[in-house]
Amino acid sequence: MSLDADEVKKIAYLARLKIEEADIPGYVSNLSDILDLVEQMNAVDTAGVTPMSHPLDAVQRLREDVVTEGNQRELFQAIAPKTEDGLYLVPQVIE
């Protein structure tokens, strides 16, 4: 699929991108190449291909989910400027 300059301008407008007039031929070429690659990928017959979750069937080594640090809320909130009921109070920034 080949794009022209008007289509690239429309795409840039819809994406709210400002592109320079001198850069448009490069965008036309690059976007057309990308769309050609997508067309080639869509043309491949994948009817008998089983989807894979990982190309190497690798298994992640998982560590045990255990607490390694104790609760230090009181220590941290003791140095905070303002707290209330275990929460940090901050100035309002949006009205």
C-alpha atoms as a PDB file:
ATOM      1  CA  MET A   1       0.000   0.000   0.000  1.00  0.00           C
ATOM      2  CA  SER A   2       1.441   3.310  -0.994  1.00  0.00           C
ATOM      3  CA  LEU A   3       0.593   6.598   0.665  1.00  0.00           C
ATOM      4  CA  ASP A   4       0.757  10.046  -0.859  1.00  0.00           C
ATOM      5  CA  ALA A   5       1.625  13.401   0.702  1.00  0.00           C
ATOM      6  CA  ASP A   6      -2.014  14.366   1.322  1.00  0.00           C
ATOM      7  CA  GLU A   7      -2.663  11.161   3.264  1.00  0.00           C
ATOM      8  CA  VAL A   8       0.441  11.727   5.399  1.00  0.00           C
ATOM      9  CA  LYS A   9      -0.722  15.271   6.137  1.00  0.00           C
ATOM     10  CA  LYS A  10      -4.142  13.936   7.146  1.00  0.00           C
ATOM     11  CA  ILE A  11      -2.578  11.284   9.388  1.00  0.00           C
ATOM     12  CA  ALA A  12      -0.373  13.941  11.000  1.00  0.00           C
ATOM     13  CA  TYR A  13      -3.408  16.159  11.553  1.00  0.00           C
ATOM     14  CA  LEU A  14      -5.419  13.333  13.133  1.00  0.00           C
ATOM     15  CA  ALA A  15      -2.466  12.455  15.373  1.00  0.00           C
ATOM     16  CA  ARG A  16      -2.056  16.151  16.198  1.00  0.00           C
ATOM     17  CA  LEU A  17       1.562  16.072  14.974  1.00  0.00           C
ATOM     18  CA  LYS A  18       3.241  19.043  13.383  1.00  0.00           C
ATOM     19  CA  ILE A  19       5.488  17.982  10.514  1.00  0.00           C
ATOM     20  CA  GLU A  20       7.562  20.198   8.302  1.00  0.00           C
ATOM     21  CA  GLU A  21       6.745  20.317   4.601  1.00  0.00           C
ATOM     22  CA  ALA A  22      10.301  19.252   3.740  1.00  0.00           C
ATOM     23  CA  ASP A  23       9.967  16.085   5.889  1.00  0.00           C
ATOM     24  CA  ILE A  24       6.788  14.820   4.204  1.00  0.00           C
ATOM     25  CA  PRO A  25       8.519  12.798   1.425  1.00  0.00           C
ATOM     26  CA  GLY A  26      10.499  10.890   4.064  1.00  0.00           C
ATOM     27  CA  TYR A  27       7.339  10.155   6.037  1.00  0.00           C
ATOM     28  CA  VAL A  28       5.583   9.005   2.857  1.00  0.00           C
ATOM     29  CA  SER A  29       8.394   6.561   2.139  1.00  0.00           C
ATOM     30  CA  ASN A  30       8.714   5.251   5.692  1.00  0.00           C
ATOM     31  CA  LEU A  31       4.985   4.843   6.306  1.00  0.00           C
ATOM     32  CA  SER A  32       4.503   3.141   2.936  1.00  0.00           C
ATOM     33  CA  ASP A  33       7.303   0.687   3.784  1.00  0.00           C
ATOM     34  CA  ILE A  34       5.685  -0.085   7.136  1.00  0.00           C
ATOM     35  CA  LEU A  35       2.287  -0.700   5.530  1.00  0.00           C
ATOM     36  CA  ASP A  36       3.910  -2.936   2.879  1.00  0.00           C
ATOM     37  CA  LEU A  37       5.517  -5.006   5.648  1.00  0.00           C
ATOM     38  CA  VAL A  38       2.163  -5.359   7.411  1.00  0.00           C
ATOM     39  CA  GLU A  39       0.586  -6.535   4.154  1.00  0.00           C
ATOM     40  CA  GLN A  40       3.343  -9.140   3.725  1.00  0.00           C
ATOM     41  CA  MET A  41       2.785 -10.375   7.280  1.00  0.00           C
ATOM     42  CA  ASN A  42      -0.967 -10.586   6.728  1.00  0.00           C
ATOM     43  CA  ALA A  43      -0.410 -12.634   3.566  1.00  0.00           C
ATOM     44  CA  VAL A  44       1.303 -15.449   5.489  1.00  0.00           C
ATOM     45  CA  ASP A  45      -0.911 -18.511   6.015  1.00  0.00           C
ATOM     46  CA  THR A  46      -1.061 -19.168   9.758  1.00  0.00           C
ATOM     47  CA  ALA A  47      -3.995 -21.590   9.738  1.00  0.00           C
ATOM     48  CA  GLY A  48      -2.081 -24.556  11.177  1.00  0.00           C
ATOM     49  CA  VAL A  49       0.227 -22.638  13.500  1.00  0.00           C
ATOM     50  CA  THR A  50      -0.307 -23.062  17.225  1.00  0.00           C
ATOM     51  CA  PRO A  51       0.058 -19.813  19.179  1.00  0.00           C
ATOM     52  CA  MET A  52       3.057 -19.658  21.505  1.00  0.00           C
ATOM     53  CA  SER A  53       3.329 -17.816  24.770  1.00  0.00           C
ATOM     54  CA  HIS A  54       7.119 -17.838  24.517  1.00  0.00           C
ATOM     55  CA  PRO A  55       9.252 -18.815  21.510  1.00  0.00           C
ATOM     56  CA  LEU A  56      11.662 -20.899  23.596  1.00  0.00           C
ATOM     57  CA  ASP A  57       9.148 -22.455  26.015  1.00  0.00           C
ATOM     58  CA  ALA A  58      11.289 -21.050  28.808  1.00  0.00           C
ATOM     59  CA  VAL A  59      10.079 -21.146  32.383  1.00  0.00           C
ATOM     60  CA  GLN A  60      10.678 -18.242  34.724  1.00  0.00           C
ATOM     61  CA  ARG A  61      12.487 -19.032  37.921  1.00  0.00           C
ATOM     62  CA  LEU A  62      10.288 -17.673  40.667  1.00  0.00           C
ATOM     63  CA  ARG A  63      11.343 -16.814  44.162  1.00  0.00           C
ATOM     64  CA  GLU A  64       9.192 -17.487  47.164  1.00  0.00           C
ATOM     65  CA  ASP A  65       6.919 -14.584  48.024  1.00  0.00           C
ATOM     66  CA  VAL A  66       7.963 -13.798  51.581  1.00  0.00           C
ATOM     67  CA  VAL A  67       8.195 -10.572  53.543  1.00  0.00           C
ATOM     68  CA  THR A  68      11.830  -9.548  53.882  1.00  0.00           C
ATOM     69  CA  GLU A  69      11.356  -6.207  55.619  1.00  0.00           C
ATOM     70  CA  GLY A  70       9.254  -5.377  58.626  1.00  0.00           C
ATOM     71  CA  ASN A  71       6.559  -2.724  58.843  1.00  0.00           C
ATOM     72  CA  GLN A  72       8.253   0.652  59.406  1.00  0.00           C
ATOM     73  CA  ARG A  73       5.231   2.902  58.947  1.00  0.00           C
ATOM     74  CA  GLU A  74       5.582   4.559  62.366  1.00  0.00           C
ATOM     75  CA  LEU A  75       9.266   5.315  61.744  1.00  0.00           C
ATOM     76  CA  PHE A  76       8.628   6.889  58.347  1.00  0.00           C
ATOM     77  CA  GLN A  77       5.548   8.821  59.400  1.00  0.00           C
ATOM     78  CA  ALA A  78       7.348  10.211  62.438  1.00  0.00           C
ATOM     79  CA  ILE A  79       9.494  12.364  60.132  1.00  0.00           C
ATOM     80  CA  ALA A  80       6.661  13.344  57.741  1.00  0.00           C
ATOM     81  CA  PRO A  81       5.373  16.945  57.946  1.00  0.00           C
ATOM     82  CA  LYS A  82       1.704  15.917  58.329  1.00  0.00           C
ATOM     83  CA  THR A  83      -0.047  12.580  58.839  1.00  0.00           C
ATOM     84  CA  GLU A  84      -3.494  11.523  59.936  1.00  0.00           C
ATOM     85  CA  ASP A  85      -4.838   8.017  60.656  1.00  0.00           C
ATOM     86  CA  GLY A  86      -1.775   6.411  59.045  1.00  0.00           C
ATOM     87  CA  LEU A  87      -1.990   8.532  55.861  1.00  0.00           C
ATOM     88  CA  TYR A  88       0.310  11.269  54.583  1.00  0.00           C
ATOM     89  CA  LEU A  89      -1.372  14.663  54.223  1.00  0.00           C
ATOM     90  CA  VAL A  90      -0.236  16.829  51.315  1.00  0.00           C
ATOM     91  CA  PRO A  91      -1.276  20.295  50.134  1.00  0.00           C
ATOM     92  CA  GLN A  92      -4.135  20.427  47.645  1.00  0.00           C
ATOM     93  CA  VAL A  93      -2.771  21.049  44.150  1.00  0.00           C
ATOM     94  CA  ILE A  94      -5.962  20.884  42.061  1.00  0.00           C
ATOM     95  CA  GLU A  95      -9.001  23.008  42.792  1.00  0.00           C
END
